[in-house]
Amino acid sequence: MFGKIVKIFSNDLYGNPDDRKLVIFAAFEHKKYMNKYCIFAIEGEYANKKLYYGSIHIKDNTIVIFSVADNDKKWVDEFVTEYLSSKLNDKEYSLIDIANLDRAELISSTEVECDNLNTLDSISIKRVAPTTEETTKNSKSGLKFLLVLFILLGIGITYLYLNPDILTLKLKMLNCTKSEFNNNISMRYNIEKNIRFDKDEVPSTIEVIETYKFASGEEYTDFKDNNKESIYFKKDGEYKYIDSSNELKVFYNETTIIDNYKEMYNYLKKEGYTCQEETYDG
């Protein structure tokens, strides 16, 4: 099965929290145009009969989802039809392994009506239901289990109190944003930096997303159709155009000579960034 249920890490460009989960039925690549997409629904909302399409970017264990361009929607429609019939054309589409994903950044998406969400779920998501024998056995041993659980819980709490270092390590992370002006294209743009630190509070990864929003559809189309990103940008990263909002997003990684959390935080604040201090599991 090729699906995965993941938590929403943020659901807009400002990182506002969302406690819902996405049921990603499949992620795939259109081989001819090399574009990547996914189809998904919101867990617990199948009754609304809403299936969502997304153009995707995968970084580490996170999937970033944008809406699908109107011209590309037909490819996703075709994929859904073939996927439901188990007759996927492997010359057109290739499925993407998303087993390691555990969170999603939902920027935007394309919504369609769908009566087959339960079918998509059954062929995509592995769900394990207890057998009748297991249910009966668990019911009979419930009291004994609770007694053992309370004893173990008391021992566990005492052990954790005496050995706090065995708890899950929480490592520091900075999410920083600011607005800049690009003189080459005479346009303001937003920079988002996600800096993760190791257990010694040394920066381990710096992921950057620059978002350029064009003033008009004409400027956006001219820039995109004439591949002007190769003229004005020299960054070694991924360039993604979002037709629905006339935006260009540039994804890349940075390195730094700064070797500690406090110095990095002070440096970014001095450079005009607004930073939010967070943690992640080490």
C-alpha atoms as a PDB file:
ATOM      1  CA  MET A   1       0.000   0.000   0.000  1.00  0.00           C
ATOM      2  CA  PHE A   2       1.298   3.432  -0.969  1.00  0.00           C
ATOM      3  CA  GLY A   3      -0.649   5.749   1.356  1.00  0.00           C
ATOM      4  CA  LYS A   4       0.268   7.423   4.656  1.00  0.00           C
ATOM      5  CA  ILE A   5      -1.521   9.392   7.389  1.00  0.00           C
ATOM      6  CA  VAL A   6       0.482  12.455   8.483  1.00  0.00           C
ATOM      7  CA  LYS A   7       0.021  15.390  10.827  1.00  0.00           C
ATOM      8  CA  ILE A   8      -0.307  18.931   9.504  1.00  0.00           C
ATOM      9  CA  PHE A   9       2.759  20.870  10.651  1.00  0.00           C
ATOM     10  CA  SER A  10       1.413  24.193   9.309  1.00  0.00           C
ATOM     11  CA  ASN A  11      -1.423  25.038   6.949  1.00  0.00           C
ATOM     12  CA  ASP A  12      -0.442  28.398   5.482  1.00  0.00           C
ATOM     13  CA  LEU A  13       2.551  30.614   4.739  1.00  0.00           C
ATOM     14  CA  TYR A  14       2.485  31.970   8.302  1.00  0.00           C
ATOM     15  CA  GLY A  15       2.777  28.573  10.010  1.00  0.00           C
ATOM     16  CA  ASN A  16      -0.569  28.771  11.851  1.00  0.00           C
ATOM     17  CA  PRO A  17      -1.197  25.486  13.756  1.00  0.00           C
ATOM     18  CA  ASP A  18      -3.724  22.877  12.592  1.00  0.00           C
ATOM     19  CA  ASP A  19      -4.538  19.724  14.575  1.00  0.00           C
ATOM     20  CA  ARG A  20      -6.023  17.797  11.641  1.00  0.00           C
ATOM     21  CA  LYS A  21      -4.373  14.884   9.834  1.00  0.00           C
ATOM     22  CA  LEU A  22      -4.050  14.256   6.112  1.00  0.00           C
ATOM     23  CA  VAL A  23      -4.800  10.854   4.632  1.00  0.00           C
ATOM     24  CA  ILE A  24      -2.439  10.842   1.649  1.00  0.00           C
ATOM     25  CA  PHE A  25      -3.713   8.076  -0.621  1.00  0.00           C
ATOM     26  CA  ALA A  26      -0.798   8.301  -3.061  1.00  0.00           C
ATOM     27  CA  ALA A  27       2.021  10.525  -4.279  1.00  0.00           C
ATOM     28  CA  PHE A  28       3.249  10.200  -7.830  1.00  0.00           C
ATOM     29  CA  GLU A  29       5.328  11.717 -10.619  1.00  0.00           C
ATOM     30  CA  HIS A  30       4.156  12.425 -14.155  1.00  0.00           C
ATOM     31  CA  LYS A  31       7.109  10.989 -16.058  1.00  0.00           C
ATOM     32  CA  LYS A  32       6.803  13.116 -19.192  1.00  0.00           C
ATOM     33  CA  TYR A  33       6.680  16.511 -17.444  1.00  0.00           C
ATOM     34  CA  MET A  34       8.501  15.427 -14.244  1.00  0.00           C
ATOM     35  CA  ASN A  35       5.893  17.114 -12.035  1.00  0.00           C
ATOM     36  CA  LYS A  36       5.056  15.571  -8.650  1.00  0.00           C
ATOM     37  CA  TYR A  37       1.556  15.422  -7.157  1.00  0.00           C
ATOM     38  CA  CYS A  38      -0.451  13.807  -4.384  1.00  0.00           C
ATOM     39  CA  ILE A  39      -4.112  12.997  -3.728  1.00  0.00           C
ATOM     40  CA  PHE A  40      -5.425  13.209  -0.177  1.00  0.00           C
ATOM     41  CA  ALA A  41      -8.400  13.763   2.136  1.00  0.00           C
ATOM     42  CA  ILE A  42      -8.850  15.053   5.683  1.00  0.00           C
ATOM     43  CA  GLU A  43      -9.051  12.287   8.285  1.00  0.00           C
ATOM     44  CA  GLY A  44     -12.556  12.054   9.749  1.00  0.00           C
ATOM     45  CA  GLU A  45     -14.113  14.151   6.960  1.00  0.00           C
ATOM     46  CA  TYR A  46     -14.899  11.478   4.349  1.00  0.00           C
ATOM     47  CA  ALA A  47     -18.612  12.299   4.662  1.00  0.00           C
ATOM     48  CA  ASN A  48     -17.913  15.650   2.971  1.00  0.00           C
ATOM     49  CA  LYS A  49     -16.855  13.764  -0.184  1.00  0.00           C
ATOM     50  CA  LYS A  50     -13.902  16.111  -0.712  1.00  0.00           C
ATOM     51  CA  LEU A  51     -10.784  14.811  -2.427  1.00  0.00           C
ATOM     52  CA  TYR A  52      -7.814  17.169  -2.655  1.00  0.00           C
ATOM     53  CA  TYR A  53      -5.075  17.415  -5.269  1.00  0.00           C
ATOM     54  CA  GLY A  54      -1.669  18.869  -4.490  1.00  0.00           C
ATOM     55  CA  SER A  55       1.526  19.739  -6.296  1.00  0.00           C
ATOM     56  CA  ILE A  56       4.273  18.627  -3.931  1.00  0.00           C
ATOM     57  CA  HIS A  57       7.809  19.218  -2.752  1.00  0.00           C
ATOM     58  CA  ILE A  58       9.361  16.649  -0.374  1.00  0.00           C
ATOM     59  CA  LYS A  59      12.134  17.640   2.020  1.00  0.00           C
ATOM     60  CA  ASP A  60      13.393  15.068   4.531  1.00  0.00           C
ATOM     61  CA  ASN A  61      10.327  13.771   6.413  1.00  0.00           C
ATOM     62  CA  THR A  62       8.014  16.633   5.353  1.00  0.00           C
ATOM     63  CA  ILE A  63       5.745  16.986   2.328  1.00  0.00           C
ATOM     64  CA  VAL A  64       4.941  20.554   1.223  1.00  0.00           C
ATOM     65  CA  ILE A  65       1.646  20.808  -0.677  1.00  0.00           C
ATOM     66  CA  PHE A  66       0.502  23.502  -3.127  1.00  0.00           C
ATOM     67  CA  SER A  67      -2.575  23.720  -5.360  1.00  0.00           C
ATOM     68  CA  VAL A  68      -2.457  22.136  -8.799  1.00  0.00           C
ATOM     69  CA  ALA A  69      -2.336  24.381 -11.892  1.00  0.00           C
ATOM     70  CA  ASP A  70      -5.476  24.254 -14.052  1.00  0.00           C
ATOM     71  CA  ASN A  71      -3.509  22.869 -17.002  1.00  0.00           C
ATOM     72  CA  ASP A  72      -2.158  20.017 -14.859  1.00  0.00           C
ATOM     73  CA  LYS A  73      -5.437  18.965 -13.210  1.00  0.00           C
ATOM     74  CA  LYS A  74      -6.270  16.611 -16.080  1.00  0.00           C
ATOM     75  CA  TRP A  75      -3.190  14.507 -15.314  1.00  0.00           C
ATOM     76  CA  VAL A  76      -4.271  14.052 -11.695  1.00  0.00           C
ATOM     77  CA  ASP A  77      -7.839  13.220 -12.790  1.00  0.00           C
ATOM     78  CA  GLU A  78      -6.457  10.552 -15.090  1.00  0.00           C
ATOM     79  CA  PHE A  79      -4.205   9.158 -12.350  1.00  0.00           C
ATOM     80  CA  VAL A  80      -7.136   8.863  -9.897  1.00  0.00           C
ATOM     81  CA  THR A  81      -9.224   6.952 -12.461  1.00  0.00           C
ATOM     82  CA  GLU A  82      -6.386   4.523 -13.207  1.00  0.00           C
ATOM     83  CA  TYR A  83      -5.426   4.164  -9.533  1.00  0.00           C
ATOM     84  CA  LEU A  84      -8.994   3.245  -8.553  1.00  0.00           C
ATOM     85  CA  SER A  85      -9.155   0.630 -11.313  1.00  0.00           C
ATOM     86  CA  SER A  86      -5.716  -0.807 -10.382  1.00  0.00           C
ATOM     87  CA  LYS A  87      -4.631  -0.261 -13.985  1.00  0.00           C
ATOM     88  CA  LEU A  88      -1.952   2.391 -13.544  1.00  0.00           C
ATOM     89  CA  ASN A  89      -0.072   3.262 -16.733  1.00  0.00           C
ATOM     90  CA  ASP A  90       3.544   2.926 -15.596  1.00  0.00           C
ATOM     91  CA  LYS A  91       4.747   4.641 -18.765  1.00  0.00           C
ATOM     92  CA  GLU A  92       2.950   7.823 -17.679  1.00  0.00           C
ATOM     93  CA  TYR A  93       3.076   7.681 -13.880  1.00  0.00           C
ATOM     94  CA  SER A  94       5.393   6.386 -11.176  1.00  0.00           C
ATOM     95  CA  LEU A  95       4.362   6.109  -7.516  1.00  0.00           C
ATOM     96  CA  ILE A  96       6.548   7.862  -4.919  1.00  0.00           C
ATOM     97  CA  ASP A  97       7.489   6.104  -1.685  1.00  0.00           C
ATOM     98  CA  ILE A  98       6.199   8.241   1.210  1.00  0.00           C
ATOM     99  CA  ALA A  99       6.705   5.711   4.010  1.00  0.00           C
ATOM    100  CA  ASN A 100       9.177   7.995   5.833  1.00  0.00           C
ATOM    101  CA  LEU A 101       6.927  11.079   5.861  1.00  0.00           C
ATOM    102  CA  ASP A 102       5.501  12.130   9.218  1.00  0.00           C
ATOM    103  CA  ARG A 103       4.214  15.670   8.667  1.00  0.00           C
ATOM    104  CA  ALA A 104       2.785  17.980   6.013  1.00  0.00           C
ATOM    105  CA  GLU A 105       2.954  21.703   5.293  1.00  0.00           C
ATOM    106  CA  LEU A 106      -0.370  22.449   3.589  1.00  0.00           C
ATOM    107  CA  ILE A 107       0.082  25.753   1.736  1.00  0.00           C
ATOM    108  CA  SER A 108      -2.867  25.366  -0.649  1.00  0.00           C
ATOM    109  CA  SER A 109      -4.691  22.613  -2.560  1.00  0.00           C
ATOM    110  CA  THR A 110      -7.218  21.898  -5.306  1.00  0.00           C
ATOM    111  CA  GLU A 111     -10.575  20.463  -4.200  1.00  0.00           C
ATOM    112  CA  VAL A 112     -12.792  18.054  -6.167  1.00  0.00           C
ATOM    113  CA  GLU A 113     -15.952  16.067  -5.401  1.00  0.00           C
ATOM    114  CA  CYS A 114     -15.357  12.337  -4.879  1.00  0.00           C
ATOM    115  CA  ASP A 115     -17.657   9.441  -3.928  1.00  0.00           C
ATOM    116  CA  ASN A 116     -14.788   6.956  -3.688  1.00  0.00           C
ATOM    117  CA  LEU A 117     -12.883   8.117  -0.597  1.00  0.00           C
ATOM    118  CA  ASN A 118     -13.510   4.871   1.280  1.00  0.00           C
ATOM    119  CA  THR A 119     -12.303   2.877  -1.723  1.00  0.00           C
ATOM    120  CA  LEU A 120      -9.162   5.004  -1.961  1.00  0.00           C
ATOM    121  CA  ASP A 121      -8.619   4.452   1.763  1.00  0.00           C
ATOM    122  CA  SER A 122      -8.994   0.674   1.491  1.00  0.00           C
ATOM    123  CA  ILE A 123      -6.478   0.332  -1.361  1.00  0.00           C
ATOM    124  CA  SER A 124      -3.993   2.861   0.038  1.00  0.00           C
ATOM    125  CA  ILE A 125      -3.925   2.785   3.853  1.00  0.00           C
ATOM    126  CA  LYS A 126      -2.978  -0.241   5.922  1.00  0.00           C
ATOM    127  CA  ARG A 127      -5.344  -0.468   8.869  1.00  0.00           C
ATOM    128  CA  VAL A 128      -5.173  -3.377  11.331  1.00  0.00           C
ATOM    129  CA  ALA A 129      -8.355  -4.430  13.121  1.00  0.00           C
ATOM    130  CA  PRO A 130      -8.281  -6.785  16.137  1.00  0.00           C
ATOM    131  CA  THR A 131      -9.667 -10.324  15.623  1.00  0.00           C
ATOM    132  CA  THR A 132     -12.638 -11.635  17.609  1.00  0.00           C
ATOM    133  CA  GLU A 133     -10.363 -13.993  19.537  1.00  0.00           C
ATOM    134  CA  GLU A 134      -8.018 -11.159  20.478  1.00  0.00           C
ATOM    135  CA  THR A 135     -10.929  -8.949  21.574  1.00  0.00           C
ATOM    136  CA  THR A 136     -12.367 -11.693  23.813  1.00  0.00           C
ATOM    137  CA  LYS A 137      -8.978 -12.458  25.329  1.00  0.00           C
ATOM    138  CA  ASN A 138      -8.316  -8.784  26.034  1.00  0.00           C
ATOM    139  CA  SER A 139     -11.709  -8.385  27.719  1.00  0.00           C
ATOM    140  CA  LYS A 140     -11.093 -11.326  30.078  1.00  0.00           C
ATOM    141  CA  SER A 141      -7.626 -10.158  31.029  1.00  0.00           C
ATOM    142  CA  GLY A 142      -8.541  -6.484  31.394  1.00  0.00           C
ATOM    143  CA  LEU A 143      -8.501  -6.370  35.209  1.00  0.00           C
ATOM    144  CA  LYS A 144      -5.185  -8.219  35.442  1.00  0.00           C
ATOM    145  CA  PHE A 145      -3.682  -5.913  32.837  1.00  0.00           C
ATOM    146  CA  LEU A 146      -4.780  -2.766  34.721  1.00  0.00           C
ATOM    147  CA  LEU A 147      -3.260  -4.076  37.953  1.00  0.00           C
ATOM    148  CA  VAL A 148       0.065  -4.814  36.250  1.00  0.00           C
ATOM    149  CA  LEU A 149      -0.090  -1.469  34.461  1.00  0.00           C
ATOM    150  CA  PHE A 150      -0.462   0.493  37.719  1.00  0.00           C
ATOM    151  CA  ILE A 151       2.479  -1.361  39.243  1.00  0.00           C
ATOM    152  CA  LEU A 152       4.678  -0.786  36.193  1.00  0.00           C
ATOM    153  CA  LEU A 153       3.556   2.830  36.004  1.00  0.00           C
ATOM    154  CA  GLY A 154       4.686   3.442  39.571  1.00  0.00           C
ATOM    155  CA  ILE A 155       8.039   1.807  38.892  1.00  0.00           C
ATOM    156  CA  GLY A 156       8.401   3.694  35.605  1.00  0.00           C
ATOM    157  CA  ILE A 157       7.687   7.103  37.135  1.00  0.00           C
ATOM    158  CA  THR A 158      10.233   6.469  39.875  1.00  0.00           C
ATOM    159  CA  TYR A 159      12.841   5.309  37.362  1.00  0.00           C
ATOM    160  CA  LEU A 160      12.282   8.311  35.088  1.00  0.00           C
ATOM    161  CA  TYR A 161      12.536  10.654  38.059  1.00  0.00           C
ATOM    162  CA  LEU A 162      15.893   9.148  39.009  1.00  0.00           C
ATOM    163  CA  ASN A 163      17.093   8.919  35.356  1.00  0.00           C
ATOM    164  CA  PRO A 164      15.799  11.989  33.483  1.00  0.00           C
ATOM    165  CA  ASP A 165      18.391  11.625  30.695  1.00  0.00           C
ATOM    166  CA  ILE A 166      16.595   8.652  29.133  1.00  0.00           C
ATOM    167  CA  LEU A 167      13.639  10.817  28.154  1.00  0.00           C
ATOM    168  CA  THR A 168      13.276  11.831  24.526  1.00  0.00           C
ATOM    169  CA  LEU A 169      15.800  14.487  23.677  1.00  0.00           C
ATOM    170  CA  LYS A 170      14.255  17.792  22.621  1.00  0.00           C
ATOM    171  CA  LEU A 171      16.540  19.714  20.288  1.00  0.00           C
ATOM    172  CA  LYS A 172      16.288  23.406  19.522  1.00  0.00           C
ATOM    173  CA  MET A 173      14.958  24.849  16.272  1.00  0.00           C
ATOM    174  CA  LEU A 174      14.469  28.399  14.964  1.00  0.00           C
ATOM    175  CA  ASN A 175      11.802  29.417  12.442  1.00  0.00           C
ATOM    176  CA  CYS A 176      12.653  32.898  11.185  1.00  0.00           C
ATOM    177  CA  THR A 177      11.072  35.191   8.589  1.00  0.00           C
ATOM    178  CA  LYS A 178      11.645  38.626   7.108  1.00  0.00           C
ATOM    179  CA  SER A 179      10.776  40.716   4.057  1.00  0.00           C
ATOM    180  CA  GLU A 180      13.514  41.757   1.612  1.00  0.00           C
ATOM    181  CA  PHE A 181      13.799  43.668  -1.676  1.00  0.00           C
ATOM    182  CA  ASN A 182      15.408  42.134  -4.769  1.00  0.00           C
ATOM    183  CA  ASN A 183      16.987  44.944  -6.818  1.00  0.00           C
ATOM    184  CA  ASN A 184      17.514  42.729  -9.852  1.00  0.00           C
ATOM    185  CA  ILE A 185      13.788  42.211 -10.408  1.00  0.00           C
ATOM    186  CA  SER A 186      12.521  45.224  -8.390  1.00  0.00           C
ATOM    187  CA  MET A 187      10.320  43.126  -6.138  1.00  0.00           C
ATOM    188  CA  ARG A 188       9.804  42.534  -2.431  1.00  0.00           C
ATOM    189  CA  TYR A 189       9.907  38.928  -1.269  1.00  0.00           C
ATOM    190  CA  ASN A 190       9.641  36.911   1.931  1.00  0.00           C
ATOM    191  CA  ILE A 191      12.396  34.713   3.339  1.00  0.00           C
ATOM    192  CA  GLU A 192      11.644  31.812   5.681  1.00  0.00           C
ATOM    193  CA  LYS A 193      14.548  30.029   7.400  1.00  0.00           C
ATOM    194  CA  ASN A 194      14.260  26.816   9.396  1.00  0.00           C
ATOM    195  CA  ILE A 195      17.425  26.195  11.423  1.00  0.00           C
ATOM    196  CA  ARG A 196      17.820  22.930  13.323  1.00  0.00           C
ATOM    197  CA  PHE A 197      20.471  22.458  16.028  1.00  0.00           C
ATOM    198  CA  ASP A 198      22.115  19.295  17.291  1.00  0.00           C
ATOM    199  CA  LYS A 199      22.461  18.220  20.930  1.00  0.00           C
ATOM    200  CA  ASP A 200      25.461  20.547  21.324  1.00  0.00           C
ATOM    201  CA  GLU A 201      23.353  23.459  19.984  1.00  0.00           C
ATOM    202  CA  VAL A 202      25.438  23.662  16.791  1.00  0.00           C
ATOM    203  CA  PRO A 203      23.443  24.418  13.592  1.00  0.00           C
ATOM    204  CA  SER A 204      22.951  21.122  11.717  1.00  0.00           C
ATOM    205  CA  THR A 205      20.642  22.142   8.834  1.00  0.00           C
ATOM    206  CA  ILE A 206      19.410  25.462   7.437  1.00  0.00           C
ATOM    207  CA  GLU A 207      16.477  25.179   5.038  1.00  0.00           C
ATOM    208  CA  VAL A 208      15.423  28.351   3.213  1.00  0.00           C
ATOM    209  CA  ILE A 209      12.258  29.207   1.271  1.00  0.00           C
ATOM    210  CA  GLU A 210      12.052  32.487  -0.652  1.00  0.00           C
ATOM    211  CA  THR A 211       8.579  33.527  -1.846  1.00  0.00           C
ATOM    212  CA  TYR A 212       8.204  36.045  -4.673  1.00  0.00           C
ATOM    213  CA  LYS A 213       4.666  37.300  -5.359  1.00  0.00           C
ATOM    214  CA  PHE A 214       4.227  39.039  -8.714  1.00  0.00           C
ATOM    215  CA  ALA A 215       2.044  42.131  -8.983  1.00  0.00           C
ATOM    216  CA  SER A 216       0.108  40.834 -11.991  1.00  0.00           C
ATOM    217  CA  GLY A 217      -0.547  37.673 -13.936  1.00  0.00           C
ATOM    218  CA  GLU A 218       1.157  39.184 -16.977  1.00  0.00           C
ATOM    219  CA  GLU A 219       4.445  39.768 -15.115  1.00  0.00           C
ATOM    220  CA  TYR A 220       4.261  36.286 -13.616  1.00  0.00           C
ATOM    221  CA  THR A 221       3.592  34.557 -16.954  1.00  0.00           C
ATOM    222  CA  ASP A 222       6.358  36.512 -18.712  1.00  0.00           C
ATOM    223  CA  PHE A 223       8.875  35.595 -15.997  1.00  0.00           C
ATOM    224  CA  LYS A 224       7.863  31.922 -15.995  1.00  0.00           C
ATOM    225  CA  ASP A 225       7.519  31.342 -19.752  1.00  0.00           C
ATOM    226  CA  ASN A 226      10.861  32.968 -20.510  1.00  0.00           C
ATOM    227  CA  ASN A 227      12.722  31.061 -17.762  1.00  0.00           C
ATOM    228  CA  LYS A 228      13.957  34.295 -16.246  1.00  0.00           C
ATOM    229  CA  GLU A 229      14.850  32.552 -12.975  1.00  0.00           C
ATOM    230  CA  SER A 230      17.998  31.314 -14.708  1.00  0.00           C
ATOM    231  CA  ILE A 231      18.921  34.938 -15.465  1.00  0.00           C
ATOM    232  CA  TYR A 232      18.173  36.617 -12.149  1.00  0.00           C
ATOM    233  CA  PHE A 233      18.837  33.805  -9.667  1.00  0.00           C
ATOM    234  CA  LYS A 234      22.086  31.964  -9.138  1.00  0.00           C
ATOM    235  CA  LYS A 235      20.964  29.775  -6.254  1.00  0.00           C
ATOM    236  CA  ASP A 236      21.490  26.021  -6.432  1.00  0.00           C
ATOM    237  CA  GLY A 237      17.998  24.965  -5.376  1.00  0.00           C
ATOM    238  CA  GLU A 238      14.516  24.052  -6.544  1.00  0.00           C
ATOM    239  CA  TYR A 239      12.295  26.614  -8.272  1.00  0.00           C
ATOM    240  CA  LYS A 240       8.538  26.087  -8.084  1.00  0.00           C
ATOM    241  CA  TYR A 241       5.912  28.261  -9.779  1.00  0.00           C
ATOM    242  CA  ILE A 242       2.423  28.465  -8.238  1.00  0.00           C
ATOM    243  CA  ASP A 243      -0.042  29.555 -10.923  1.00  0.00           C
ATOM    244  CA  SER A 244      -2.998  29.951  -8.539  1.00  0.00           C
ATOM    245  CA  SER A 245      -1.301  32.787  -6.612  1.00  0.00           C
ATOM    246  CA  ASN A 246       1.237  34.171  -9.149  1.00  0.00           C
ATOM    247  CA  GLU A 247       4.105  33.167  -6.884  1.00  0.00           C
ATOM    248  CA  LEU A 248       7.578  31.756  -7.332  1.00  0.00           C
ATOM    249  CA  LYS A 249       9.089  29.759  -4.468  1.00  0.00           C
ATOM    250  CA  VAL A 250      12.802  29.003  -4.271  1.00  0.00           C
ATOM    251  CA  PHE A 251      13.927  26.145  -1.993  1.00  0.00           C
ATOM    252  CA  TYR A 252      17.596  25.754  -1.043  1.00  0.00           C
ATOM    253  CA  ASN A 253      19.937  24.969   1.856  1.00  0.00           C
ATOM    254  CA  GLU A 254      22.499  27.244   3.499  1.00  0.00           C
ATOM    255  CA  THR A 255      25.692  26.694   5.457  1.00  0.00           C
ATOM    256  CA  THR A 256      27.137  28.868   8.217  1.00  0.00           C
ATOM    257  CA  ILE A 257      30.290  29.413  10.219  1.00  0.00           C
ATOM    258  CA  ILE A 258      28.224  30.245  13.319  1.00  0.00           C
ATOM    259  CA  ASP A 259      28.613  27.357  15.752  1.00  0.00           C
ATOM    260  CA  ASN A 260      26.122  27.958  18.560  1.00  0.00           C
ATOM    261  CA  TYR A 261      22.438  28.677  19.140  1.00  0.00           C
ATOM    262  CA  LYS A 262      22.752  32.002  20.963  1.00  0.00           C
ATOM    263  CA  GLU A 263      25.042  33.551  18.354  1.00  0.00           C
ATOM    264  CA  MET A 264      22.771  32.381  15.523  1.00  0.00           C
ATOM    265  CA  TYR A 265      19.684  33.796  17.235  1.00  0.00           C
ATOM    266  CA  ASN A 266      21.339  37.180  17.870  1.00  0.00           C
ATOM    267  CA  TYR A 267      22.700  37.317  14.322  1.00  0.00           C
ATOM    268  CA  LEU A 268      19.295  36.694  12.740  1.00  0.00           C
ATOM    269  CA  LYS A 269      17.596  39.245  15.000  1.00  0.00           C
ATOM    270  CA  LYS A 270      20.262  41.798  14.042  1.00  0.00           C
ATOM    271  CA  GLU A 271      19.615  41.027  10.362  1.00  0.00           C
ATOM    272  CA  GLY A 272      15.942  41.903  10.806  1.00  0.00           C
ATOM    273  CA  TYR A 273      14.415  38.434  11.105  1.00  0.00           C
ATOM    274  CA  THR A 274      11.445  37.662  13.320  1.00  0.00           C
ATOM    275  CA  CYS A 275      12.259  34.337  14.975  1.00  0.00           C
ATOM    276  CA  GLN A 276      10.137  31.773  16.775  1.00  0.00           C
ATOM    277  CA  GLU A 277      11.935  29.369  19.099  1.00  0.00           C
ATOM    278  CA  GLU A 278      10.728  25.777  18.830  1.00  0.00           C
ATOM    279  CA  THR A 279      11.959  22.221  19.497  1.00  0.00           C
ATOM    280  CA  TYR A 280      11.995  18.927  17.614  1.00  0.00           C
ATOM    281  CA  ASP A 281      12.613  15.331  18.660  1.00  0.00           C
ATOM    282  CA  GLY A 282      16.222  14.286  18.438  1.00  0.00           C
END
